[in-house]
Every structure is written in C-alpha cells, then in structure tokens.
Amino acid sequence: METRHDTVELAARIVAAYVARNNVPATRLPALIADLHAAIAVLGRPEPARPARPTPAQIAASIRPDTLVSFEDGKPYKALRRHLTLRGLTAEAYRAKWGLPVDYPLVSAAYSARRSTISRAISSGMRMRMQAAAE
C-alpha cells in the first residue's frame, strides 16, 4: 500500500513532467499539484462497500399489509415509486440493487385495495350517469 510520501512523490513527478511539456502559469501550479495529489490518493482506496443483500426473511418482513419498508432508508411507505424516483431509481433498478424478486410489490396491499375501491366507485358512478343521460 502506498504511503502519503509515495503519493506526494508520484504527484510531483507527474506535475514536473507535465510542466516541462506544457505552459502552466505559476499561479495555477499549487492547484494543479493539489488536484493531482487528490486524484492519486483516491486511486489507492478500496471501493465503497456495496449494500448487503437482504435475506429472504428480511424481504418477507419488509412487506406489511399497510406499508412496505424501503431497503434504501428503512422507513415505511404506502407506495415506493415516488420514494424511489426521488432517489434516482426505477422499480427495476431498485429490485436489482437489493436482489428482490421480480414480483416484489411497490404498493402496499391495503393502499392498493383502497385505491381499487375508489376507482370502482368512480366507475360505477359514471355508468349510472351515462345510463341516466341515455334515458
């Protein structure tokens, strides 16, 4: 593993080679050295840990009748789509990221049933108005 001294030396050698072949103003030199050193220091770091995939038991526990628990932040939601969109994820990307099955729900059962009831009521009301208008 490289030490700080090694990265400083490497950055100095690269900057010296760059400055020898390119016209760099003296006022830009400190920023160039700092930027290059920061870039080299990042190269030696390990990748950030990927989120651990939930177990089948954790997946089953995240599906509750009235809410779904998000694996992104651990909070309960009635519907996950808006929450995922705000985090820049699609439903497919969320399922792939966390290793969820293709049929993993994005809307809680209770919320879905309530919306379905409302839709049926609206639909039947429209049918009654259409029949009344036809008579």
N, C-alpha and C. Protein backbone atom coordinates (compact mmCIF):
# COMPACT_ATOMS: atom_id res chain seq x y z
N MET A 1 0.84 -1.19 0.00
CA MET A 1 0.00 0.00 0.00
C MET A 1 0.88 1.24 0.00
N GLU A 2 0.47 2.22 -0.81
CA GLU A 2 1.28 3.42 -0.91
C GLU A 2 1.08 4.30 0.32
N THR A 3 2.14 4.93 0.74
CA THR A 3 2.05 5.88 1.85
C THR A 3 1.83 7.27 1.30
N ARG A 4 1.60 8.19 2.18
CA ARG A 4 1.41 9.59 1.76
C ARG A 4 2.65 10.10 1.05
N HIS A 5 3.83 9.69 1.52
CA HIS A 5 5.08 10.13 0.90
C HIS A 5 5.16 9.64 -0.54
N ASP A 6 4.73 8.41 -0.78
CA ASP A 6 4.75 7.87 -2.14
C ASP A 6 3.81 8.63 -3.06
N THR A 7 2.63 8.98 -2.59
CA THR A 7 1.69 9.70 -3.45
C THR A 7 2.17 11.12 -3.72
N VAL A 8 2.79 11.74 -2.74
CA VAL A 8 3.33 13.09 -2.95
C VAL A 8 4.45 13.04 -3.98
N GLU A 9 5.33 12.06 -3.86
CA GLU A 9 6.44 11.93 -4.81
C GLU A 9 5.92 11.65 -6.21
N LEU A 10 4.94 10.78 -6.33
CA LEU A 10 4.37 10.46 -7.63
C LEU A 10 3.69 11.68 -8.24
N ALA A 11 2.95 12.42 -7.43
CA ALA A 11 2.30 13.64 -7.92
C ALA A 11 3.33 14.66 -8.38
N ALA A 12 4.40 14.81 -7.63
CA ALA A 12 5.45 15.76 -8.00
C ALA A 12 6.11 15.37 -9.32
N ARG A 13 6.35 14.09 -9.51
CA ARG A 13 6.97 13.63 -10.77
C ARG A 13 6.04 13.86 -11.96
N ILE A 14 4.76 13.60 -11.78
CA ILE A 14 3.80 13.80 -12.88
C ILE A 14 3.67 15.28 -13.20
N VAL A 15 3.57 16.13 -12.18
CA VAL A 15 3.46 17.57 -12.41
C VAL A 15 4.72 18.09 -13.09
N ALA A 16 5.89 17.63 -12.67
CA ALA A 16 7.14 18.07 -13.29
C ALA A 16 7.16 17.70 -14.77
N ALA A 17 6.73 16.50 -15.09
CA ALA A 17 6.71 16.07 -16.49
C ALA A 17 5.69 16.89 -17.29
N TYR A 18 4.55 17.18 -16.70
CA TYR A 18 3.51 17.95 -17.38
C TYR A 18 3.97 19.38 -17.61
N VAL A 19 4.56 20.00 -16.59
CA VAL A 19 5.00 21.39 -16.69
C VAL A 19 6.16 21.52 -17.69
N ALA A 20 6.99 20.49 -17.80
CA ALA A 20 8.10 20.54 -18.74
C ALA A 20 7.61 20.59 -20.18
N ARG A 21 6.45 20.05 -20.45
CA ARG A 21 5.94 19.99 -21.83
C ARG A 21 4.77 20.93 -22.10
N ASN A 22 4.24 21.60 -21.06
CA ASN A 22 3.08 22.47 -21.23
C ASN A 22 3.32 23.80 -20.53
N ASN A 23 2.69 24.84 -21.06
CA ASN A 23 2.81 26.18 -20.49
C ASN A 23 1.77 26.31 -19.37
N VAL A 24 2.23 26.36 -18.11
CA VAL A 24 1.34 26.47 -16.96
C VAL A 24 1.71 27.73 -16.19
N PRO A 25 0.73 28.64 -15.96
CA PRO A 25 1.03 29.84 -15.17
C PRO A 25 1.43 29.46 -13.73
N ALA A 26 2.32 30.23 -13.17
CA ALA A 26 2.81 29.95 -11.82
C ALA A 26 1.69 30.00 -10.79
N THR A 27 0.68 30.81 -11.01
CA THR A 27 -0.44 30.91 -10.06
C THR A 27 -1.31 29.65 -10.08
N ARG A 28 -1.27 28.90 -11.18
CA ARG A 28 -2.09 27.68 -11.31
C ARG A 28 -1.36 26.46 -10.77
N LEU A 29 -0.07 26.55 -10.56
CA LEU A 29 0.74 25.40 -10.15
C LEU A 29 0.32 24.78 -8.81
N PRO A 30 0.07 25.53 -7.74
CA PRO A 30 -0.36 24.90 -6.48
C PRO A 30 -1.67 24.12 -6.61
N ALA A 31 -2.62 24.68 -7.34
CA ALA A 31 -3.90 23.99 -7.54
C ALA A 31 -3.71 22.73 -8.36
N LEU A 32 -2.84 22.78 -9.36
CA LEU A 32 -2.55 21.61 -10.19
C LEU A 32 -1.95 20.49 -9.34
N ILE A 33 -1.02 20.83 -8.49
CA ILE A 33 -0.38 19.83 -7.62
C ILE A 33 -1.41 19.24 -6.65
N ALA A 34 -2.23 20.08 -6.04
CA ALA A 34 -3.24 19.61 -5.08
C ALA A 34 -4.27 18.71 -5.76
N ASP A 35 -4.73 19.12 -6.94
CA ASP A 35 -5.72 18.31 -7.67
C ASP A 35 -5.14 16.95 -8.05
N LEU A 36 -3.93 16.95 -8.55
CA LEU A 36 -3.30 15.69 -8.97
C LEU A 36 -3.03 14.79 -7.76
N HIS A 37 -2.59 15.36 -6.66
CA HIS A 37 -2.34 14.56 -5.46
C HIS A 37 -3.63 13.93 -4.95
N ALA A 38 -4.72 14.72 -4.96
CA ALA A 38 -6.01 14.19 -4.51
C ALA A 38 -6.48 13.05 -5.41
N ALA A 39 -6.27 13.20 -6.71
CA ALA A 39 -6.67 12.15 -7.65
C ALA A 39 -5.86 10.88 -7.43
N ILE A 40 -4.60 11.00 -7.16
CA ILE A 40 -3.75 9.83 -6.92
C ILE A 40 -4.11 9.17 -5.60
N ALA A 41 -4.40 9.96 -4.59
CA ALA A 41 -4.75 9.41 -3.28
C ALA A 41 -6.03 8.59 -3.35
N VAL A 42 -6.99 9.01 -4.17
CA VAL A 42 -8.25 8.29 -4.31
C VAL A 42 -8.03 6.93 -4.97
N LEU A 43 -7.07 6.84 -5.85
CA LEU A 43 -6.83 5.59 -6.57
C LEU A 43 -6.47 4.44 -5.64
N GLY A 44 -5.82 4.71 -4.56
CA GLY A 44 -5.39 3.65 -3.66
C GLY A 44 -6.46 3.16 -2.69
N ARG A 45 -7.57 3.87 -2.61
CA ARG A 45 -8.62 3.50 -1.66
C ARG A 45 -9.47 2.36 -2.21
N PRO A 46 -9.94 1.50 -1.32
CA PRO A 46 -10.84 0.43 -1.78
C PRO A 46 -12.20 1.00 -2.16
N GLU A 47 -12.92 0.26 -2.98
CA GLU A 47 -14.26 0.69 -3.38
C GLU A 47 -15.18 0.73 -2.17
N PRO A 48 -16.14 1.66 -2.18
CA PRO A 48 -17.09 1.66 -1.07
C PRO A 48 -17.88 0.37 -1.05
N ALA A 49 -18.21 -0.07 0.12
CA ALA A 49 -18.92 -1.34 0.27
C ALA A 49 -20.30 -1.26 -0.35
N ARG A 50 -20.66 -2.29 -1.08
CA ARG A 50 -22.00 -2.37 -1.65
C ARG A 50 -22.97 -2.77 -0.55
N PRO A 51 -24.21 -2.35 -0.68
CA PRO A 51 -25.16 -2.72 0.37
C PRO A 51 -25.34 -4.23 0.41
N ALA A 52 -25.45 -4.75 1.61
CA ALA A 52 -25.65 -6.20 1.78
C ALA A 52 -27.06 -6.55 1.31
N ARG A 53 -27.15 -7.63 0.58
CA ARG A 53 -28.45 -8.05 0.07
C ARG A 53 -29.28 -8.62 1.22
N PRO A 54 -30.54 -8.28 1.26
CA PRO A 54 -31.39 -8.79 2.33
C PRO A 54 -31.67 -10.28 2.15
N THR A 55 -31.88 -10.94 3.25
CA THR A 55 -32.21 -12.36 3.23
C THR A 55 -33.68 -12.52 2.84
N PRO A 56 -34.08 -13.71 2.44
CA PRO A 56 -35.50 -13.92 2.13
C PRO A 56 -36.42 -13.57 3.31
N ALA A 57 -35.97 -13.81 4.52
CA ALA A 57 -36.78 -13.46 5.69
C ALA A 57 -36.93 -11.94 5.81
N GLN A 58 -35.86 -11.20 5.54
CA GLN A 58 -35.93 -9.74 5.60
C GLN A 58 -36.83 -9.19 4.49
N ILE A 59 -36.78 -9.82 3.33
CA ILE A 59 -37.65 -9.39 2.22
C ILE A 59 -39.11 -9.60 2.61
N ALA A 60 -39.41 -10.77 3.15
CA ALA A 60 -40.79 -11.06 3.56
C ALA A 60 -41.24 -10.11 4.67
N ALA A 61 -40.35 -9.78 5.61
CA ALA A 61 -40.70 -8.89 6.71
C ALA A 61 -40.90 -7.45 6.24
N SER A 62 -40.32 -7.09 5.10
CA SER A 62 -40.47 -5.71 4.61
C SER A 62 -41.84 -5.48 3.97
N ILE A 63 -42.56 -6.56 3.68
CA ILE A 63 -43.88 -6.45 3.07
C ILE A 63 -44.93 -6.61 4.17
N ARG A 64 -45.54 -5.50 4.54
CA ARG A 64 -46.58 -5.50 5.57
C ARG A 64 -47.90 -5.17 4.89
N PRO A 65 -49.03 -5.53 5.51
CA PRO A 65 -50.32 -5.25 4.86
C PRO A 65 -50.56 -3.77 4.57
N ASP A 66 -50.14 -2.90 5.49
CA ASP A 66 -50.42 -1.48 5.32
C ASP A 66 -49.24 -0.66 4.80
N THR A 67 -48.03 -1.19 4.86
CA THR A 67 -46.85 -0.46 4.37
C THR A 67 -45.81 -1.42 3.79
N LEU A 68 -44.86 -0.83 3.06
CA LEU A 68 -43.68 -1.54 2.59
C LEU A 68 -42.47 -0.81 3.17
N VAL A 69 -41.52 -1.56 3.70
CA VAL A 69 -40.34 -0.94 4.28
C VAL A 69 -39.28 -0.85 3.19
N SER A 70 -38.78 0.36 2.97
CA SER A 70 -37.76 0.59 1.94
C SER A 70 -36.40 0.09 2.41
N PHE A 71 -35.68 -0.59 1.53
CA PHE A 71 -34.33 -1.02 1.86
C PHE A 71 -33.34 0.13 1.71
N GLU A 72 -33.75 1.21 1.08
CA GLU A 72 -32.88 2.37 0.91
C GLU A 72 -32.67 3.11 2.22
N ASP A 73 -33.76 3.35 2.97
CA ASP A 73 -33.63 4.11 4.21
C ASP A 73 -34.30 3.47 5.42
N GLY A 74 -34.95 2.32 5.22
CA GLY A 74 -35.57 1.60 6.33
C GLY A 74 -36.88 2.19 6.81
N LYS A 75 -37.44 3.14 6.09
CA LYS A 75 -38.69 3.76 6.50
C LYS A 75 -39.88 3.10 5.80
N PRO A 76 -41.05 3.10 6.45
CA PRO A 76 -42.24 2.50 5.83
C PRO A 76 -42.92 3.48 4.86
N TYR A 77 -43.43 2.93 3.75
CA TYR A 77 -44.15 3.72 2.75
C TYR A 77 -45.37 2.95 2.29
N LYS A 78 -46.43 3.68 1.91
CA LYS A 78 -47.60 3.03 1.32
C LYS A 78 -47.31 2.64 -0.12
N ALA A 79 -46.55 3.50 -0.82
CA ALA A 79 -46.15 3.24 -2.19
C ALA A 79 -44.68 3.65 -2.33
N LEU A 80 -43.88 2.83 -2.98
CA LEU A 80 -42.45 3.10 -3.08
C LEU A 80 -42.04 3.90 -4.31
N ARG A 81 -42.90 3.98 -5.32
CA ARG A 81 -42.48 4.56 -6.59
C ARG A 81 -41.95 5.99 -6.46
N ARG A 82 -42.66 6.88 -5.78
CA ARG A 82 -42.20 8.26 -5.64
C ARG A 82 -40.90 8.31 -4.82
N HIS A 83 -40.83 7.52 -3.77
CA HIS A 83 -39.64 7.46 -2.93
C HIS A 83 -38.42 7.04 -3.78
N LEU A 84 -38.61 6.05 -4.63
CA LEU A 84 -37.51 5.57 -5.47
C LEU A 84 -37.13 6.61 -6.53
N THR A 85 -38.13 7.26 -7.10
CA THR A 85 -37.87 8.28 -8.12
C THR A 85 -37.04 9.42 -7.54
N LEU A 86 -37.34 9.82 -6.32
CA LEU A 86 -36.57 10.90 -5.69
C LEU A 86 -35.12 10.48 -5.45
N ARG A 87 -34.87 9.20 -5.36
CA ARG A 87 -33.51 8.69 -5.17
C ARG A 87 -32.86 8.30 -6.49
N GLY A 88 -33.53 8.58 -7.60
CA GLY A 88 -32.96 8.30 -8.91
C GLY A 88 -33.02 6.83 -9.31
N LEU A 89 -33.94 6.08 -8.76
CA LEU A 89 -34.06 4.66 -9.07
C LEU A 89 -35.38 4.36 -9.76
N THR A 90 -35.34 3.40 -10.67
CA THR A 90 -36.57 2.85 -11.22
C THR A 90 -36.92 1.62 -10.40
N ALA A 91 -38.12 1.10 -10.62
CA ALA A 91 -38.54 -0.10 -9.89
C ALA A 91 -37.59 -1.26 -10.20
N GLU A 92 -37.22 -1.40 -11.48
CA GLU A 92 -36.33 -2.48 -11.88
C GLU A 92 -34.93 -2.32 -11.26
N ALA A 93 -34.44 -1.09 -11.23
CA ALA A 93 -33.11 -0.84 -10.65
C ALA A 93 -33.12 -1.12 -9.14
N TYR A 94 -34.20 -0.75 -8.47
CA TYR A 94 -34.33 -1.00 -7.03
C TYR A 94 -34.33 -2.50 -6.76
N ARG A 95 -35.12 -3.23 -7.53
CA ARG A 95 -35.17 -4.68 -7.34
C ARG A 95 -33.81 -5.32 -7.62
N ALA A 96 -33.13 -4.86 -8.65
CA ALA A 96 -31.81 -5.42 -8.99
C ALA A 96 -30.77 -5.07 -7.93
N LYS A 97 -30.80 -3.83 -7.46
CA LYS A 97 -29.82 -3.38 -6.45
C LYS A 97 -29.90 -4.21 -5.18
N TRP A 98 -31.11 -4.52 -4.76
CA TRP A 98 -31.30 -5.22 -3.49
C TRP A 98 -31.55 -6.71 -3.66
N GLY A 99 -31.53 -7.21 -4.89
CA GLY A 99 -31.74 -8.63 -5.12
C GLY A 99 -33.15 -9.09 -4.81
N LEU A 100 -34.12 -8.24 -5.11
CA LEU A 100 -35.52 -8.56 -4.82
C LEU A 100 -36.13 -9.33 -5.99
N PRO A 101 -37.14 -10.13 -5.72
CA PRO A 101 -37.79 -10.87 -6.81
C PRO A 101 -38.52 -9.91 -7.76
N VAL A 102 -38.76 -10.37 -8.97
CA VAL A 102 -39.42 -9.55 -9.99
C VAL A 102 -40.82 -9.15 -9.56
N ASP A 103 -41.49 -9.99 -8.78
CA ASP A 103 -42.86 -9.68 -8.36
C ASP A 103 -42.93 -8.95 -7.02
N TYR A 104 -41.81 -8.39 -6.56
CA TYR A 104 -41.82 -7.63 -5.30
C TYR A 104 -42.74 -6.42 -5.47
N PRO A 105 -43.71 -6.23 -4.57
CA PRO A 105 -44.68 -5.14 -4.74
C PRO A 105 -44.08 -3.76 -4.48
N LEU A 106 -44.63 -2.77 -5.16
CA LEU A 106 -44.23 -1.39 -4.92
C LEU A 106 -45.33 -0.60 -4.23
N VAL A 107 -46.48 -1.24 -4.02
CA VAL A 107 -47.62 -0.60 -3.35
C VAL A 107 -48.13 -1.57 -2.30
N SER A 108 -48.41 -1.08 -1.10
CA SER A 108 -48.91 -1.95 -0.04
C SER A 108 -50.30 -2.48 -0.41
N ALA A 109 -50.65 -3.65 0.12
CA ALA A 109 -51.93 -4.29 -0.20
C ALA A 109 -53.11 -3.44 0.24
N ALA A 110 -53.06 -2.86 1.43
CA ALA A 110 -54.17 -2.05 1.94
C ALA A 110 -54.37 -0.80 1.08
N TYR A 111 -53.29 -0.15 0.70
CA TYR A 111 -53.38 1.06 -0.12
C TYR A 111 -53.93 0.72 -1.51
N SER A 112 -53.47 -0.39 -2.06
CA SER A 112 -53.94 -0.84 -3.37
C SER A 112 -55.44 -1.15 -3.33
N ALA A 113 -55.89 -1.83 -2.28
CA ALA A 113 -57.31 -2.17 -2.14
C ALA A 113 -58.16 -0.90 -2.00
N ARG A 114 -57.67 0.06 -1.23
CA ARG A 114 -58.41 1.31 -1.05
C ARG A 114 -58.53 2.07 -2.36
N ARG A 115 -57.44 2.14 -3.12
CA ARG A 115 -57.47 2.81 -4.42
C ARG A 115 -58.40 2.09 -5.39
N SER A 116 -58.40 0.77 -5.33
CA SER A 116 -59.28 -0.02 -6.19
C SER A 116 -60.74 0.26 -5.87
N THR A 117 -61.09 0.33 -4.59
CA THR A 117 -62.45 0.63 -4.17
C THR A 117 -62.87 2.01 -4.66
N ILE A 118 -62.00 2.98 -4.55
CA ILE A 118 -62.30 4.34 -5.02
C ILE A 118 -62.52 4.33 -6.53
N SER A 119 -61.67 3.62 -7.26
CA SER A 119 -61.80 3.55 -8.72
C SER A 119 -63.12 2.90 -9.13
N ARG A 120 -63.49 1.84 -8.44
CA ARG A 120 -64.77 1.17 -8.75
C ARG A 120 -65.95 2.10 -8.47
N ALA A 121 -65.87 2.83 -7.37
CA ALA A 121 -66.95 3.75 -7.03
C ALA A 121 -67.08 4.84 -8.09
N ILE A 122 -65.98 5.35 -8.52
CA ILE A 122 -66.00 6.39 -9.57
C ILE A 122 -66.55 5.80 -10.86
N SER A 123 -66.12 4.60 -11.20
CA SER A 123 -66.57 3.94 -12.43
C SER A 123 -68.06 3.65 -12.40
N SER A 124 -68.57 3.14 -11.29
CA SER A 124 -70.00 2.84 -11.20
C SER A 124 -70.81 4.13 -11.23
N GLY A 125 -70.30 5.19 -10.63
CA GLY A 125 -70.98 6.48 -10.67
C GLY A 125 -71.06 7.01 -12.09
N MET A 126 -70.01 6.81 -12.85
CA MET A 126 -70.02 7.26 -14.24
C MET A 126 -71.02 6.44 -15.05
N ARG A 127 -71.08 5.13 -14.78
CA ARG A 127 -72.02 4.28 -15.51
C ARG A 127 -73.46 4.71 -15.23
N MET A 128 -73.75 5.02 -13.96
CA MET A 128 -75.10 5.45 -13.61
C MET A 128 -75.45 6.77 -14.29
N ARG A 129 -74.50 7.69 -14.35
CA ARG A 129 -74.74 8.98 -15.02
C ARG A 129 -74.94 8.77 -16.51
N MET A 130 -74.16 7.85 -17.11
CA MET A 130 -74.31 7.56 -18.53
C MET A 130 -75.69 6.96 -18.81
N GLN A 131 -76.14 6.05 -17.94
CA GLN A 131 -77.46 5.43 -18.12
C GLN A 131 -78.56 6.46 -17.95
N ALA A 132 -78.40 7.33 -16.97
CA ALA A 132 -79.41 8.37 -16.74
C ALA A 132 -79.47 9.33 -17.92
N ALA A 133 -78.33 9.64 -18.48
CA ALA A 133 -78.28 10.55 -19.62
C ALA A 133 -78.89 9.90 -20.86
N ALA A 134 -78.72 8.57 -21.00
CA ALA A 134 -79.25 7.86 -22.16
C ALA A 134 -80.76 7.74 -22.08
N GLU A 135 -81.34 7.71 -20.89
CA GLU A 135 -82.80 7.55 -20.73
C GLU A 135 -83.50 8.79 -20.98
